[in-house]
Amino acid sequence: MAERGASLDLVFAALADPTRRRILSLLLEDDMAVSDVAAAFDISLAAVSRHLSILAQAGLISQDRRGRLRWCQLEPDALRPASVWMQGFGQFEPVNLEAFERFLAGELSDSDAD
């Protein structure tokens, strides 16, 4: 159980950064060379490599060498444990914020009348 929790921690920590989420979006389309991933950002190649390393450690992407280039690919099943964990919260009814606001307005107006 602790191993699963540590794995989820790595996934959520990796997903916490908007640059890493954008990298994952790019990789949804196709495998990409590291240099192509870096070209999509206004940050250094070293910074992109660090983001890719974090994504790989979390198991969200894999990397391999093809000739002289290092390629990245999305690992589609990597988000499954996080998705299953989040679905556990789906057992609760979603809050209707507009209805809640009307309820509060009614309660406040009733207390003002007292």
PDB file of N, CA and C in Angstrom:
ATOM      1  N   MET A   1       0.829  -1.187   0.000  1.00  0.00           N
ATOM      2  CA  MET A   1       0.000   0.000   0.000  1.00  0.00           C
ATOM      3  C   MET A   1       0.875   1.252   0.000  1.00  0.00           C
ATOM      4  N   ALA A   2       1.971   1.217   0.770  1.00  0.00           N
ATOM      5  CA  ALA A   2       2.864   2.375   0.826  1.00  0.00           C
ATOM      6  C   ALA A   2       3.520   2.606  -0.529  1.00  0.00           C
ATOM      7  N   GLU A   3       3.836   1.507  -1.243  1.00  0.00           N
ATOM      8  CA  GLU A   3       4.441   1.634  -2.566  1.00  0.00           C
ATOM      9  C   GLU A   3       3.476   2.308  -3.531  1.00  0.00           C
ATOM     10  N   ARG A   4       2.209   1.936  -3.457  1.00  0.00           N
ATOM     11  CA  ARG A   4       1.192   2.556  -4.323  1.00  0.00           C
ATOM     12  C   ARG A   4       1.041   4.028  -4.000  1.00  0.00           C
ATOM     13  N   GLY A   5       1.079   4.374  -2.719  1.00  0.00           N
ATOM     14  CA  GLY A   5       0.985   5.770  -2.313  1.00  0.00           C
ATOM     15  C   GLY A   5       2.170   6.579  -2.803  1.00  0.00           C
ATOM     16  N   ALA A   6       3.355   5.999  -2.726  1.00  0.00           N
ATOM     17  CA  ALA A   6       4.554   6.695  -3.211  1.00  0.00           C
ATOM     18  C   ALA A   6       4.477   6.890  -4.716  1.00  0.00           C
ATOM     19  N   SER A   7       3.956   5.897  -5.429  1.00  0.00           N
ATOM     20  CA  SER A   7       3.802   6.002  -6.879  1.00  0.00           C
ATOM     21  C   SER A   7       2.815   7.112  -7.227  1.00  0.00           C
ATOM     22  N   LEU A   8       1.703   7.169  -6.514  1.00  0.00           N
ATOM     23  CA  LEU A   8       0.725   8.235  -6.737  1.00  0.00           C
ATOM     24  C   LEU A   8       1.326   9.597  -6.425  1.00  0.00           C
ATOM     25  N   ASP A   9       2.139   9.665  -5.381  1.00  0.00           N
ATOM     26  CA  ASP A   9       2.802  10.932  -5.038  1.00  0.00           C
ATOM     27  C   ASP A   9       3.665  11.417  -6.192  1.00  0.00           C
ATOM     28  N   LEU A  10       4.417  10.494  -6.807  1.00  0.00           N
ATOM     29  CA  LEU A  10       5.265  10.858  -7.946  1.00  0.00           C
ATOM     30  C   LEU A  10       4.429  11.348  -9.126  1.00  0.00           C
ATOM     31  N   VAL A  11       3.329  10.666  -9.400  1.00  0.00           N
ATOM     32  CA  VAL A  11       2.465  11.053 -10.518  1.00  0.00           C
ATOM     33  C   VAL A  11       1.872  12.433 -10.281  1.00  0.00           C
ATOM     34  N   PHE A  12       1.307  12.646  -9.095  1.00  0.00           N
ATOM     35  CA  PHE A  12       0.675  13.940  -8.832  1.00  0.00           C
ATOM     36  C   PHE A  12       1.701  15.068  -8.759  1.00  0.00           C
ATOM     37  N   ALA A  13       2.886  14.786  -8.245  1.00  0.00           N
ATOM     38  CA  ALA A  13       3.941  15.804  -8.225  1.00  0.00           C
ATOM     39  C   ALA A  13       4.352  16.158  -9.648  1.00  0.00           C
ATOM     40  N   ALA A  14       4.445  15.156 -10.515  1.00  0.00           N
ATOM     41  CA  ALA A  14       4.801  15.419 -11.910  1.00  0.00           C
ATOM     42  C   ALA A  14       3.712  16.223 -12.606  1.00  0.00           C
ATOM     43  N   LEU A  15       2.459  15.913 -12.319  1.00  0.00           N
ATOM     44  CA  LEU A  15       1.343  16.612 -12.955  1.00  0.00           C
ATOM     45  C   LEU A  15       1.117  18.012 -12.397  1.00  0.00           C
ATOM     46  N   ALA A  16       1.733  18.322 -11.290  1.00  0.00           N
ATOM     47  CA  ALA A  16       1.520  19.631 -10.656  1.00  0.00           C
ATOM     48  C   ALA A  16       2.113  20.777 -11.464  1.00  0.00           C
ATOM     49  N   ASP A  17       3.063  20.474 -12.320  1.00  0.00           N
ATOM     50  CA  ASP A  17       3.734  21.528 -13.079  1.00  0.00           C
ATOM     51  C   ASP A  17       3.082  21.715 -14.447  1.00  0.00           C
ATOM     52  N   PRO A  18       2.722  22.953 -14.805  1.00  0.00           N
ATOM     53  CA  PRO A  18       2.057  23.176 -16.096  1.00  0.00           C
ATOM     54  C   PRO A  18       2.931  22.839 -17.305  1.00  0.00           C
ATOM     55  N   THR A  19       4.232  23.008 -17.197  1.00  0.00           N
ATOM     56  CA  THR A  19       5.117  22.652 -18.311  1.00  0.00           C
ATOM     57  C   THR A  19       5.067  21.155 -18.558  1.00  0.00           C
ATOM     58  N   ARG A  20       5.080  20.378 -17.487  1.00  0.00           N
ATOM     59  CA  ARG A  20       5.034  18.922 -17.649  1.00  0.00           C
ATOM     60  C   ARG A  20       3.683  18.477 -18.205  1.00  0.00           C
ATOM     61  N   ARG A  21       2.606  19.127 -17.780  1.00  0.00           N
ATOM     62  CA  ARG A  21       1.297  18.779 -18.345  1.00  0.00           C
ATOM     63  C   ARG A  21       1.258  19.106 -19.837  1.00  0.00           C
ATOM     64  N   ARG A  22       1.878  20.206 -20.218  1.00  0.00           N
ATOM     65  CA  ARG A  22       1.918  20.567 -21.639  1.00  0.00           C
ATOM     66  C   ARG A  22       2.761  19.562 -22.427  1.00  0.00           C
ATOM     67  N   ILE A  23       3.855  19.113 -21.844  1.00  0.00           N
ATOM     68  CA  ILE A  23       4.668  18.080 -22.502  1.00  0.00           C
ATOM     69  C   ILE A  23       3.830  16.830 -22.731  1.00  0.00           C
ATOM     70  N   LEU A  24       3.068  16.419 -21.734  1.00  0.00           N
ATOM     71  CA  LEU A  24       2.209  15.240 -21.895  1.00  0.00           C
ATOM     72  C   LEU A  24       1.201  15.456 -23.016  1.00  0.00           C
ATOM     73  N   SER A  25       0.653  16.668 -23.115  1.00  0.00           N
ATOM     74  CA  SER A  25      -0.290  16.969 -24.198  1.00  0.00           C
ATOM     75  C   SER A  25       0.374  16.842 -25.560  1.00  0.00           C
ATOM     76  N   LEU A  26       1.609  17.311 -25.660  1.00  0.00           N
ATOM     77  CA  LEU A  26       2.342  17.179 -26.921  1.00  0.00           C
ATOM     78  C   LEU A  26       2.546  15.712 -27.275  1.00  0.00           C
ATOM     79  N   LEU A  27       2.876  14.908 -26.277  1.00  0.00           N
ATOM     80  CA  LEU A  27       3.157  13.492 -26.520  1.00  0.00           C
ATOM     81  C   LEU A  27       1.890  12.684 -26.782  1.00  0.00           C
ATOM     82  N   LEU A  28       0.726  13.261 -26.478  1.00  0.00           N
ATOM     83  CA  LEU A  28      -0.526  12.593 -26.833  1.00  0.00           C
ATOM     84  C   LEU A  28      -0.646  12.441 -28.344  1.00  0.00           C
ATOM     85  N   GLU A  29      -0.098  13.415 -29.062  1.00  0.00           N
ATOM     86  CA  GLU A  29      -0.202  13.410 -30.513  1.00  0.00           C
ATOM     87  C   GLU A  29       0.720  12.378 -31.153  1.00  0.00           C
ATOM     88  N   ASP A  30       1.955  12.296 -30.651  1.00  0.00           N
ATOM     89  CA  ASP A  30       2.918  11.360 -31.246  1.00  0.00           C
ATOM     90  C   ASP A  30       4.182  11.336 -30.397  1.00  0.00           C
ATOM     91  N   ASP A  31       5.010  10.324 -30.610  1.00  0.00           N
ATOM     92  CA  ASP A  31       6.333  10.286 -29.988  1.00  0.00           C
ATOM     93  C   ASP A  31       7.126  11.483 -30.503  1.00  0.00           C
ATOM     94  N   MET A  32       8.019  11.990 -29.674  1.00  0.00           N
ATOM     95  CA  MET A  32       8.804  13.152 -30.077  1.00  0.00           C
ATOM     96  C   MET A  32      10.239  13.012 -29.602  1.00  0.00           C
ATOM     97  N   ALA A  33      11.153  13.546 -30.403  1.00  0.00           N
ATOM     98  CA  ALA A  33      12.543  13.644 -29.972  1.00  0.00           C
ATOM     99  C   ALA A  33      12.624  14.735 -28.914  1.00  0.00           C
ATOM    100  N   VAL A  34      13.564  14.592 -27.993  1.00  0.00           N
ATOM    101  CA  VAL A  34      13.735  15.582 -26.928  1.00  0.00           C
ATOM    102  C   VAL A  34      13.920  16.978 -27.518  1.00  0.00           C
ATOM    103  N   SER A  35      14.683  17.081 -28.589  1.00  0.00           N
ATOM    104  CA  SER A  35      14.908  18.401 -29.202  1.00  0.00           C
ATOM    105  C   SER A  35      13.612  18.999 -29.734  1.00  0.00           C
ATOM    106  N   ASP A  36      12.700  18.162 -30.237  1.00  0.00           N
ATOM    107  CA  ASP A  36      11.405  18.659 -30.716  1.00  0.00           C
ATOM    108  C   ASP A  36      10.525  19.111 -29.549  1.00  0.00           C
ATOM    109  N   VAL A  37      10.580  18.374 -28.461  1.00  0.00           N
ATOM    110  CA  VAL A  37       9.841  18.794 -27.263  1.00  0.00           C
ATOM    111  C   VAL A  37      10.369  20.148 -26.802  1.00  0.00           C
ATOM    112  N   ALA A  38      11.677  20.279 -26.742  1.00  0.00           N
ATOM    113  CA  ALA A  38      12.296  21.531 -26.281  1.00  0.00           C
ATOM    114  C   ALA A  38      11.941  22.702 -27.180  1.00  0.00           C
ATOM    115  N   ALA A  39      11.793  22.451 -28.475  1.00  0.00           N
ATOM    116  CA  ALA A  39      11.475  23.528 -29.417  1.00  0.00           C
ATOM    117  C   ALA A  39      10.108  24.145 -29.142  1.00  0.00           C
ATOM    118  N   ALA A  40       9.242  23.411 -28.458  1.00  0.00           N
ATOM    119  CA  ALA A  40       7.899  23.913 -28.159  1.00  0.00           C
ATOM    120  C   ALA A  40       7.869  24.846 -26.950  1.00  0.00           C
ATOM    121  N   PHE A  41       9.009  25.023 -26.287  1.00  0.00           N
ATOM    122  CA  PHE A  41       9.055  25.808 -25.056  1.00  0.00           C
ATOM    123  C   PHE A  41      10.114  26.894 -25.142  1.00  0.00           C
ATOM    124  N   ASP A  42       9.891  27.927 -24.376  1.00  0.00           N
ATOM    125  CA  ASP A  42      10.844  29.039 -24.309  1.00  0.00           C
ATOM    126  C   ASP A  42      11.718  28.895 -23.061  1.00  0.00           C
ATOM    127  N   ILE A  43      12.241  27.674 -22.881  1.00  0.00           N
ATOM    128  CA  ILE A  43      13.141  27.392 -21.765  1.00  0.00           C
ATOM    129  C   ILE A  43      14.322  26.593 -22.308  1.00  0.00           C
ATOM    130  N   SER A  44      15.345  26.441 -21.509  1.00  0.00           N
ATOM    131  CA  SER A  44      16.559  25.763 -21.971  1.00  0.00           C
ATOM    132  C   SER A  44      16.315  24.267 -22.188  1.00  0.00           C
ATOM    133  N   LEU A  45      17.176  23.678 -23.000  1.00  0.00           N
ATOM    134  CA  LEU A  45      17.128  22.232 -23.229  1.00  0.00           C
ATOM    135  C   LEU A  45      17.352  21.485 -21.917  1.00  0.00           C
ATOM    136  N   ALA A  46      18.218  22.014 -21.065  1.00  0.00           N
ATOM    137  CA  ALA A  46      18.464  21.377 -19.759  1.00  0.00           C
ATOM    138  C   ALA A  46      17.199  21.372 -18.908  1.00  0.00           C
ATOM    139  N   ALA A  47      16.448  22.463 -18.943  1.00  0.00           N
ATOM    140  CA  ALA A  47      15.203  22.532 -18.163  1.00  0.00           C
ATOM    141  C   ALA A  47      14.183  21.536 -18.707  1.00  0.00           C
ATOM    142  N   VAL A  48      14.070  21.442 -20.018  1.00  0.00           N
ATOM    143  CA  VAL A  48      13.145  20.475 -20.620  1.00  0.00           C
ATOM    144  C   VAL A  48      13.578  19.052 -20.263  1.00  0.00           C
ATOM    145  N   SER A  49      14.875  18.790 -20.315  1.00  0.00           N
ATOM    146  CA  SER A  49      15.380  17.456 -19.948  1.00  0.00           C
ATOM    147  C   SER A  49      15.036  17.115 -18.508  1.00  0.00           C
ATOM    148  N   ARG A  50      15.117  18.098 -17.634  1.00  0.00           N
ATOM    149  CA  ARG A  50      14.762  17.864 -16.220  1.00  0.00           C
ATOM    150  C   ARG A  50      13.275  17.526 -16.092  1.00  0.00           C
ATOM    151  N   HIS A  51      12.428  18.261 -16.811  1.00  0.00           N
ATOM    152  CA  HIS A  51      10.988  17.961 -16.789  1.00  0.00           C
ATOM    153  C   HIS A  51      10.727  16.551 -17.321  1.00  0.00           C
ATOM    154  N   LEU A  52      11.407  16.191 -18.396  1.00  0.00           N
ATOM    155  CA  LEU A  52      11.240  14.859 -18.959  1.00  0.00           C
ATOM    156  C   LEU A  52      11.698  13.772 -17.988  1.00  0.00           C
ATOM    157  N   SER A  53      12.759  14.053 -17.266  1.00  0.00           N
ATOM    158  CA  SER A  53      13.261  13.103 -16.275  1.00  0.00           C
ATOM    159  C   SER A  53      12.229  12.878 -15.171  1.00  0.00           C
ATOM    160  N   ILE A  54      11.602  13.943 -14.717  1.00  0.00           N
ATOM    161  CA  ILE A  54      10.569  13.832 -13.675  1.00  0.00           C
ATOM    162  C   ILE A  54       9.380  13.031 -14.190  1.00  0.00           C
ATOM    163  N   LEU A  55       8.973  13.290 -15.434  1.00  0.00           N
ATOM    164  CA  LEU A  55       7.865  12.530 -16.024  1.00  0.00           C
ATOM    165  C   LEU A  55       8.227  11.056 -16.162  1.00  0.00           C
ATOM    166  N   ALA A  56       9.474  10.776 -16.527  1.00  0.00           N
ATOM    167  CA  ALA A  56       9.918   9.382 -16.661  1.00  0.00           C
ATOM    168  C   ALA A  56       9.974   8.691 -15.300  1.00  0.00           C
ATOM    169  N   GLN A  57      10.465   9.394 -14.275  1.00  0.00           N
ATOM    170  CA  GLN A  57      10.515   8.807 -12.926  1.00  0.00           C
ATOM    171  C   GLN A  57       9.128   8.469 -12.411  1.00  0.00           C
ATOM    172  N   ALA A  58       8.142   9.275 -12.802  1.00  0.00           N
ATOM    173  CA  ALA A  58       6.762   9.021 -12.395  1.00  0.00           C
ATOM    174  C   ALA A  58       6.113   7.933 -13.248  1.00  0.00           C
ATOM    175  N   GLY A  59       6.810   7.486 -14.290  1.00  0.00           N
ATOM    176  CA  GLY A  59       6.290   6.445 -15.162  1.00  0.00           C
ATOM    177  C   GLY A  59       5.312   6.951 -16.208  1.00  0.00           C
ATOM    178  N   LEU A  60       5.200   8.273 -16.354  1.00  0.00           N
ATOM    179  CA  LEU A  60       4.238   8.842 -17.292  1.00  0.00           C
ATOM    180  C   LEU A  60       4.734   8.820 -18.733  1.00  0.00           C
ATOM    181  N   ILE A  61       6.049   8.804 -18.913  1.00  0.00           N
ATOM    182  CA  ILE A  61       6.634   8.696 -20.249  1.00  0.00           C
ATOM    183  C   ILE A  61       7.771   7.678 -20.199  1.00  0.00           C
ATOM    184  N   SER A  62       8.170   7.222 -21.363  1.00  0.00           N
ATOM    185  CA  SER A  62       9.388   6.415 -21.477  1.00  0.00           C
ATOM    186  C   SER A  62      10.273   7.091 -22.515  1.00  0.00           C
ATOM    187  N   GLN A  63      11.550   6.803 -22.440  1.00  0.00           N
ATOM    188  CA  GLN A  63      12.514   7.385 -23.367  1.00  0.00           C
ATOM    189  C   GLN A  63      13.393   6.269 -23.910  1.00  0.00           C
ATOM    190  N   ASP A  64      13.738   6.390 -25.182  1.00  0.00           N
ATOM    191  CA  ASP A  64      14.686   5.446 -25.760  1.00  0.00           C
ATOM    192  C   ASP A  64      15.521   6.151 -26.817  1.00  0.00           C
ATOM    193  N   ARG A  65      16.635   5.523 -27.118  1.00  0.00           N
ATOM    194  CA  ARG A  65      17.544   6.076 -28.134  1.00  0.00           C
ATOM    195  C   ARG A  65      17.175   5.508 -29.488  1.00  0.00           C
ATOM    196  N   ARG A  66      17.106   6.400 -30.452  1.00  0.00           N
ATOM    197  CA  ARG A  66      16.917   6.010 -31.851  1.00  0.00           C
ATOM    198  C   ARG A  66      18.002   6.735 -32.631  1.00  0.00           C
ATOM    199  N   GLY A  67      19.048   6.021 -32.930  1.00  0.00           N
ATOM    200  CA  GLY A  67      20.204   6.663 -33.561  1.00  0.00           C
ATOM    201  C   GLY A  67      20.861   7.607 -32.571  1.00  0.00           C
ATOM    202  N   ARG A  68      21.025   8.841 -32.979  1.00  0.00           N
ATOM    203  CA  ARG A  68      21.678   9.822 -32.115  1.00  0.00           C
ATOM    204  C   ARG A  68      20.685  10.588 -31.241  1.00  0.00           C
ATOM    205  N   LEU A  69      19.407  10.354 -31.447  1.00  0.00           N
ATOM    206  CA  LEU A  69      18.384  11.117 -30.735  1.00  0.00           C
ATOM    207  C   LEU A  69      17.734  10.298 -29.628  1.00  0.00           C
ATOM    208  N   ARG A  70      17.306  11.013 -28.614  1.00  0.00           N
ATOM    209  CA  ARG A  70      16.532  10.401 -27.530  1.00  0.00           C
ATOM    210  C   ARG A  70      15.071  10.751 -27.772  1.00  0.00           C
ATOM    211  N   TRP A  71      14.217   9.746 -27.842  1.00  0.00           N
ATOM    212  CA  TRP A  71      12.800   9.923 -28.118  1.00  0.00           C
ATOM    213  C   TRP A  71      11.975   9.695 -26.863  1.00  0.00           C
ATOM    214  N   CYS A  72      10.865  10.376 -26.791  1.00  0.00           N
ATOM    215  CA  CYS A  72       9.947  10.271 -25.647  1.00  0.00           C
ATOM    216  C   CYS A  72       8.603   9.776 -26.148  1.00  0.00           C
ATOM    217  N   GLN A  73       7.987   8.923 -25.362  1.00  0.00           N
ATOM    218  CA  GLN A  73       6.639   8.485 -25.687  1.00  0.00           C
ATOM    219  C   GLN A  73       5.812   8.406 -24.425  1.00  0.00           C
ATOM    220  N   LEU A  74       4.552   8.705 -24.585  1.00  0.00           N
ATOM    221  CA  LEU A  74       3.605   8.669 -23.490  1.00  0.00           C
ATOM    222  C   LEU A  74       3.351   7.231 -23.085  1.00  0.00           C
ATOM    223  N   GLU A  75       3.255   6.988 -21.806  1.00  0.00           N
ATOM    224  CA  GLU A  75       2.879   5.669 -21.288  1.00  0.00           C
ATOM    225  C   GLU A  75       1.406   5.746 -20.893  1.00  0.00           C
ATOM    226  N   PRO A  76       0.516   5.303 -21.771  1.00  0.00           N
ATOM    227  CA  PRO A  76      -0.918   5.548 -21.573  1.00  0.00           C
ATOM    228  C   PRO A  76      -1.511   4.937 -20.308  1.00  0.00           C
ATOM    229  N   ASP A  77      -0.989   3.828 -19.850  1.00  0.00           N
ATOM    230  CA  ASP A  77      -1.562   3.191 -18.665  1.00  0.00           C
ATOM    231  C   ASP A  77      -1.028   3.780 -17.360  1.00  0.00           C
ATOM    232  N   ALA A  78      -0.089   4.689 -17.452  1.00  0.00           N
ATOM    233  CA  ALA A  78       0.545   5.225 -16.245  1.00  0.00           C
ATOM    234  C   ALA A  78      -0.415   6.030 -15.377  1.00  0.00           C
ATOM    235  N   LEU A  79      -1.419   6.623 -15.971  1.00  0.00           N
ATOM    236  CA  LEU A  79      -2.368   7.425 -15.198  1.00  0.00           C
ATOM    237  C   LEU A  79      -3.510   6.602 -14.598  1.00  0.00           C
ATOM    238  N   ARG A  80      -3.555   5.326 -14.936  1.00  0.00           N
ATOM    239  CA  ARG A  80      -4.658   4.482 -14.457  1.00  0.00           C
ATOM    240  C   ARG A  80      -4.772   4.452 -12.928  1.00  0.00           C
ATOM    241  N   PRO A  81      -3.687   4.214 -12.167  1.00  0.00           N
ATOM    242  CA  PRO A  81      -3.836   4.204 -10.701  1.00  0.00           C
ATOM    243  C   PRO A  81      -4.341   5.547 -10.146  1.00  0.00           C
ATOM    244  N   ALA A  82      -3.867   6.643 -10.720  1.00  0.00           N
ATOM    245  CA  ALA A  82      -4.331   7.960 -10.261  1.00  0.00           C
ATOM    246  C   ALA A  82      -5.804   8.146 -10.596  1.00  0.00           C
ATOM    247  N   SER A  83      -6.207   7.686 -11.772  1.00  0.00           N
ATOM    248  CA  SER A  83      -7.598   7.787 -12.184  1.00  0.00           C
ATOM    249  C   SER A  83      -8.506   6.956 -11.272  1.00  0.00           C
ATOM    250  N   VAL A  84      -8.067   5.748 -10.959  1.00  0.00           N
ATOM    251  CA  VAL A  84      -8.848   4.882 -10.057  1.00  0.00           C
ATOM    252  C   VAL A  84      -8.971   5.533  -8.688  1.00  0.00           C
ATOM    253  N   TRP A  85      -7.877   6.117  -8.205  1.00  0.00           N
ATOM    254  CA  TRP A  85      -7.896   6.782  -6.903  1.00  0.00           C
ATOM    255  C   TRP A  85      -8.877   7.949  -6.925  1.00  0.00           C
ATOM    256  N   MET A  86      -8.851   8.752  -7.981  1.00  0.00           N
ATOM    257  CA  MET A  86      -9.739   9.915  -8.062  1.00  0.00           C
ATOM    258  C   MET A  86     -11.195   9.505  -8.229  1.00  0.00           C
ATOM    259  N   GLN A  87     -11.445   8.385  -8.897  1.00  0.00           N
ATOM    260  CA  GLN A  87     -12.819   7.927  -9.081  1.00  0.00           C
ATOM    261  C   GLN A  87     -13.464   7.567  -7.751  1.00  0.00           C
ATOM    262  N   GLY A  88     -12.657   7.264  -6.762  1.00  0.00           N
ATOM    263  CA  GLY A  88     -13.191   6.985  -5.433  1.00  0.00           C
ATOM    264  C   GLY A  88     -13.949   8.172  -4.856  1.00  0.00           C
ATOM    265  N   PHE A  89     -13.613   9.347  -5.320  1.00  0.00           N
ATOM    266  CA  PHE A  89     -14.308  10.540  -4.852  1.00  0.00           C
ATOM    267  C   PHE A  89     -15.570  10.810  -5.646  1.00  0.00           C
ATOM    268  N   GLY A  90     -15.779  10.077  -6.722  1.00  0.00           N
ATOM    269  CA  GLY A  90     -16.960  10.253  -7.554  1.00  0.00           C
ATOM    270  C   GLY A  90     -18.220   9.702  -6.924  1.00  0.00           C
ATOM    271  N   GLN A  91     -18.099   9.042  -5.787  1.00  0.00           N
ATOM    272  CA  GLN A  91     -19.265   8.475  -5.133  1.00  0.00           C
ATOM    273  C   GLN A  91     -20.148   9.550  -4.511  1.00  0.00           C
ATOM    274  N   PHE A  92     -19.616  10.756  -4.402  1.00  0.00           N
ATOM    275  CA  PHE A  92     -20.374  11.842  -3.827  1.00  0.00           C
ATOM    276  C   PHE A  92     -21.064  12.623  -4.934  1.00  0.00           C
ATOM    277  N   GLU A  93     -22.258  13.108  -4.641  1.00  0.00           N
ATOM    278  CA  GLU A  93     -22.981  13.912  -5.616  1.00  0.00           C
ATOM    279  C   GLU A  93     -22.257  15.235  -5.819  1.00  0.00           C
ATOM    280  N   PRO A  94     -22.173  15.707  -7.060  1.00  0.00           N
ATOM    281  CA  PRO A  94     -21.553  17.011  -7.287  1.00  0.00           C
ATOM    282  C   PRO A  94     -22.400  18.109  -6.653  1.00  0.00           C
ATOM    283  N   VAL A  95     -21.727  19.119  -6.181  1.00  0.00           N
ATOM    284  CA  VAL A  95     -22.417  20.221  -5.531  1.00  0.00           C
ATOM    285  C   VAL A  95     -22.958  21.163  -6.608  1.00  0.00           C
ATOM    286  N   ASN A  96     -24.252  21.458  -6.522  1.00  0.00           N
ATOM    287  CA  ASN A  96     -24.860  22.431  -7.418  1.00  0.00           C
ATOM    288  C   ASN A  96     -24.682  23.795  -6.761  1.00  0.00           C
ATOM    289  N   LEU A  97     -23.679  24.539  -7.222  1.00  0.00           N
ATOM    290  CA  LEU A  97     -23.326  25.793  -6.572  1.00  0.00           C
ATOM    291  C   LEU A  97     -24.418  26.848  -6.698  1.00  0.00           C
ATOM    292  N   GLU A  98     -25.130  26.853  -7.809  1.00  0.00           N
ATOM    293  CA  GLU A  98     -26.208  27.831  -7.971  1.00  0.00           C
ATOM    294  C   GLU A  98     -27.331  27.563  -6.971  1.00  0.00           C
ATOM    295  N   ALA A  99     -27.709  26.312  -6.797  1.00  0.00           N
ATOM    296  CA  ALA A  99     -28.758  25.963  -5.832  1.00  0.00           C
ATOM    297  C   ALA A  99     -28.292  26.286  -4.417  1.00  0.00           C
ATOM    298  N   PHE A 100     -27.016  26.025  -4.137  1.00  0.00           N
ATOM    299  CA  PHE A 100     -26.468  26.323  -2.814  1.00  0.00           C
ATOM    300  C   PHE A 100     -26.483  27.832  -2.564  1.00  0.00           C
ATOM    301  N   GLU A 101     -26.153  28.607  -3.588  1.00  0.00           N
ATOM    302  CA  GLU A 101     -26.177  30.064  -3.453  1.00  0.00           C
ATOM    303  C   GLU A 101     -27.597  30.564  -3.191  1.00  0.00           C
ATOM    304  N   ARG A 102     -28.579  30.007  -3.895  1.00  0.00           N
ATOM    305  CA  ARG A 102     -29.989  30.398  -3.662  1.00  0.00           C
ATOM    306  C   ARG A 102     -30.407  30.039  -2.238  1.00  0.00           C
ATOM    307  N   PHE A 103     -29.993  28.854  -1.793  1.00  0.00           N
ATOM    308  CA  PHE A 103     -30.308  28.434  -0.433  1.00  0.00           C
ATOM    309  C   PHE A 103     -29.720  29.409   0.585  1.00  0.00           C
ATOM    310  N   LEU A 104     -28.459  29.766   0.411  1.00  0.00           N
ATOM    311  CA  LEU A 104     -27.825  30.696   1.340  1.00  0.00           C
ATOM    312  C   LEU A 104     -28.493  32.057   1.303  1.00  0.00           C
ATOM    313  N   ALA A 105     -28.850  32.536   0.128  1.00  0.00           N
ATOM    314  CA  ALA A 105     -29.524  33.835   0.011  1.00  0.00           C
ATOM    315  C   ALA A 105     -30.857  33.803   0.754  1.00  0.00           C
ATOM    316  N   GLY A 106     -31.578  32.684   0.611  1.00  0.00           N
ATOM    317  CA  GLY A 106     -32.845  32.538   1.327  1.00  0.00           C
ATOM    318  C   GLY A 106     -32.650  32.509   2.835  1.00  0.00           C
ATOM    319  N   GLU A 107     -31.643  31.784   3.273  1.00  0.00           N
ATOM    320  CA  GLU A 107     -31.355  31.699   4.699  1.00  0.00           C
ATOM    321  C   GLU A 107     -30.959  33.068   5.256  1.00  0.00           C
ATOM    322  N   LEU A 108     -30.154  33.790   4.520  1.00  0.00           N
ATOM    323  CA  LEU A 108     -29.709  35.107   4.970  1.00  0.00           C
ATOM    324  C   LEU A 108     -30.870  36.085   5.025  1.00  0.00           C
ATOM    325  N   SER A 109     -31.747  36.019   4.036  1.00  0.00           N
ATOM    326  CA  SER A 109     -32.897  36.941   4.046  1.00  0.00           C
ATOM    327  C   SER A 109     -33.866  36.578   5.166  1.00  0.00           C
ATOM    328  N   ASP A 110     -34.013  35.279   5.480  1.00  0.00           N
ATOM    329  CA  ASP A 110     -34.854  34.856   6.600  1.00  0.00           C
ATOM    330  C   ASP A 110     -34.286  35.353   7.928  1.00  0.00           C
ATOM    331  N   SER A 111     -32.977  35.299   8.082  1.00  0.00           N
ATOM    332  CA  SER A 111     -32.358  35.748   9.336  1.00  0.00           C
ATOM    333  C   SER A 111     -32.418  37.263   9.448  1.00  0.00           C
ATOM    334  N   ASP A 112     -32.421  37.996   8.351  1.00  0.00           N
ATOM    335  CA  ASP A 112     -32.556  39.445   8.377  1.00  0.00           C
ATOM    336  C   ASP A 112     -33.978  39.843   8.785  1.00  0.00           C
ATOM    337  N   ALA A 113     -34.988  38.999   8.441  1.00  0.00           N
ATOM    338  CA  ALA A 113     -36.387  39.289   8.775  1.00  0.00           C
ATOM    339  C   ALA A 113     -36.647  39.084  10.260  1.00  0.00           C
ATOM    340  N   ASP A 114     -35.822  38.285  10.918  1.00  0.00           N
ATOM    341  CA  ASP A 114     -36.024  38.002  12.364  1.00  0.00           C
ATOM    342  C   ASP A 114     -35.661  39.146  13.191  1.00  0.00           C
TER     343      ASP A 114
END
